[in-house]
Amino acid sequence: MFSGGITSIPHPLVGTTIGVIVGKTLEKKLGKEKWDRNKVVIVAGLTLGNAVAIVFAASLLLISRSLWALPY
């Protein structure tokens, strides 16, 4: 991880660092085998939840814009 981070700009590394810390913490808490078996499902669930929240917010925005009387 260190050698890959030398040439990168800092802002993507913050997310990667937080992900590594959370992953190692959950690996210690759940156990290596259980963590390896379930980490893909956890990431997919978080991604799906984020997508649902974005779709909900976008639909509320479209509905609120369509209720405005003036076209511009």
C-alpha atoms as a PDB file:
ATOM      1  CA  MET A   1       0.000   0.000   0.000  1.00  0.00           C
ATOM      2  CA  PHE A   2       2.836   2.389   0.764  1.00  0.00           C
ATOM      3  CA  SER A   3       4.494   2.044  -2.626  1.00  0.00           C
ATOM      4  CA  GLY A   4       1.169   2.607  -4.416  1.00  0.00           C
ATOM      5  CA  GLY A   5       0.530   5.745  -2.400  1.00  0.00           C
ATOM      6  CA  ILE A   6       3.769   7.488  -3.237  1.00  0.00           C
ATOM      7  CA  THR A   7       2.653   8.558  -6.699  1.00  0.00           C
ATOM      8  CA  SER A   8      -1.023   9.221  -5.888  1.00  0.00           C
ATOM      9  CA  ILE A   9      -2.654  12.501  -5.048  1.00  0.00           C
ATOM     10  CA  PRO A  10      -3.760  12.703  -1.396  1.00  0.00           C
ATOM     11  CA  HIS A  11      -7.567  12.702  -1.541  1.00  0.00           C
ATOM     12  CA  PRO A  12      -8.080   9.120  -2.831  1.00  0.00           C
ATOM     13  CA  LEU A  13      -5.655   7.892  -0.193  1.00  0.00           C
ATOM     14  CA  VAL A  14      -7.872   9.139   2.630  1.00  0.00           C
ATOM     15  CA  GLY A  15     -10.685   6.784   1.617  1.00  0.00           C
ATOM     16  CA  THR A  16      -8.256   3.923   1.108  1.00  0.00           C
ATOM     17  CA  THR A  17      -6.689   4.481   4.527  1.00  0.00           C
ATOM     18  CA  ILE A  18     -10.079   4.607   6.247  1.00  0.00           C
ATOM     19  CA  GLY A  19     -11.114   1.445   4.387  1.00  0.00           C
ATOM     20  CA  VAL A  20      -7.991  -0.412   5.484  1.00  0.00           C
ATOM     21  CA  ILE A  21      -8.466   0.653   9.107  1.00  0.00           C
ATOM     22  CA  VAL A  22     -12.141  -0.357   9.144  1.00  0.00           C
ATOM     23  CA  GLY A  23     -11.362  -3.625   7.365  1.00  0.00           C
ATOM     24  CA  LYS A  24      -8.610  -4.593   9.801  1.00  0.00           C
ATOM     25  CA  THR A  25     -10.807  -3.671  12.773  1.00  0.00           C
ATOM     26  CA  LEU A  26     -13.704  -5.776  11.506  1.00  0.00           C
ATOM     27  CA  GLU A  27     -11.327  -8.616  10.677  1.00  0.00           C
ATOM     28  CA  LYS A  28     -10.131  -8.668  14.285  1.00  0.00           C
ATOM     29  CA  LYS A  29     -13.683  -8.414  15.621  1.00  0.00           C
ATOM     30  CA  LEU A  30     -15.345 -11.004  13.343  1.00  0.00           C
ATOM     31  CA  GLY A  31     -12.422 -13.303  12.630  1.00  0.00           C
ATOM     32  CA  LYS A  32     -10.463 -13.647   9.407  1.00  0.00           C
ATOM     33  CA  GLU A  33     -12.540 -16.446   7.865  1.00  0.00           C
ATOM     34  CA  LYS A  34     -15.908 -14.808   8.521  1.00  0.00           C
ATOM     35  CA  TRP A  35     -14.618 -11.432   7.334  1.00  0.00           C
ATOM     36  CA  ASP A  36     -13.212 -12.908   4.096  1.00  0.00           C
ATOM     37  CA  ARG A  37     -16.524 -14.674   3.459  1.00  0.00           C
ATOM     38  CA  ASN A  38     -18.758 -11.632   4.074  1.00  0.00           C
ATOM     39  CA  LYS A  39     -16.774  -8.527   3.048  1.00  0.00           C
ATOM     40  CA  VAL A  40     -18.078  -8.531  -0.535  1.00  0.00           C
ATOM     41  CA  VAL A  41     -21.673  -8.737   0.713  1.00  0.00           C
ATOM     42  CA  ILE A  42     -21.086  -5.869   3.153  1.00  0.00           C
ATOM     43  CA  VAL A  43     -19.594  -3.632   0.445  1.00  0.00           C
ATOM     44  CA  ALA A  44     -22.424  -4.505  -1.955  1.00  0.00           C
ATOM     45  CA  GLY A  45     -25.001  -3.645   0.715  1.00  0.00           C
ATOM     46  CA  LEU A  46     -23.382  -0.303   1.454  1.00  0.00           C
ATOM     47  CA  THR A  47     -23.194   0.516  -2.252  1.00  0.00           C
ATOM     48  CA  LEU A  48     -26.816  -0.443  -2.817  1.00  0.00           C
ATOM     49  CA  GLY A  49     -27.937   1.619   0.175  1.00  0.00           C
ATOM     50  CA  ASN A  50     -26.043   4.623  -1.148  1.00  0.00           C
ATOM     51  CA  ALA A  51     -27.621   4.204  -4.586  1.00  0.00           C
ATOM     52  CA  VAL A  52     -31.118   3.996  -3.096  1.00  0.00           C
ATOM     53  CA  ALA A  53     -30.512   7.186  -1.123  1.00  0.00           C
ATOM     54  CA  ILE A  54     -29.308   9.000  -4.259  1.00  0.00           C
ATOM     55  CA  VAL A  55     -32.330   7.836  -6.265  1.00  0.00           C
ATOM     56  CA  PHE A  56     -34.672   8.955  -3.484  1.00  0.00           C
ATOM     57  CA  ALA A  57     -33.026  12.388  -3.286  1.00  0.00           C
ATOM     58  CA  ALA A  58     -33.062  12.806  -7.067  1.00  0.00           C
ATOM     59  CA  SER A  59     -36.728  11.869  -7.292  1.00  0.00           C
ATOM     60  CA  LEU A  60     -37.599  14.349  -4.537  1.00  0.00           C
ATOM     61  CA  LEU A  61     -35.673  17.028  -6.419  1.00  0.00           C
ATOM     62  CA  LEU A  62     -37.501  16.283  -9.672  1.00  0.00           C
ATOM     63  CA  ILE A  63     -40.875  16.321  -7.927  1.00  0.00           C
ATOM     64  CA  SER A  64     -40.119  19.598  -6.162  1.00  0.00           C
ATOM     65  CA  ARG A  65     -38.950  21.205  -9.435  1.00  0.00           C
ATOM     66  CA  SER A  66     -42.055  20.051 -11.269  1.00  0.00           C
ATOM     67  CA  LEU A  67     -44.310  21.730  -8.702  1.00  0.00           C
ATOM     68  CA  TRP A  68     -42.868  25.171  -9.349  1.00  0.00           C
ATOM     69  CA  ALA A  69     -45.223  27.384 -11.394  1.00  0.00           C
ATOM     70  CA  LEU A  70     -42.644  29.179 -13.519  1.00  0.00           C
ATOM     71  CA  PRO A  71     -40.824  27.182 -16.220  1.00  0.00           C
ATOM     72  CA  TYR A  72     -37.408  28.854 -15.627  1.00  0.00           C
END
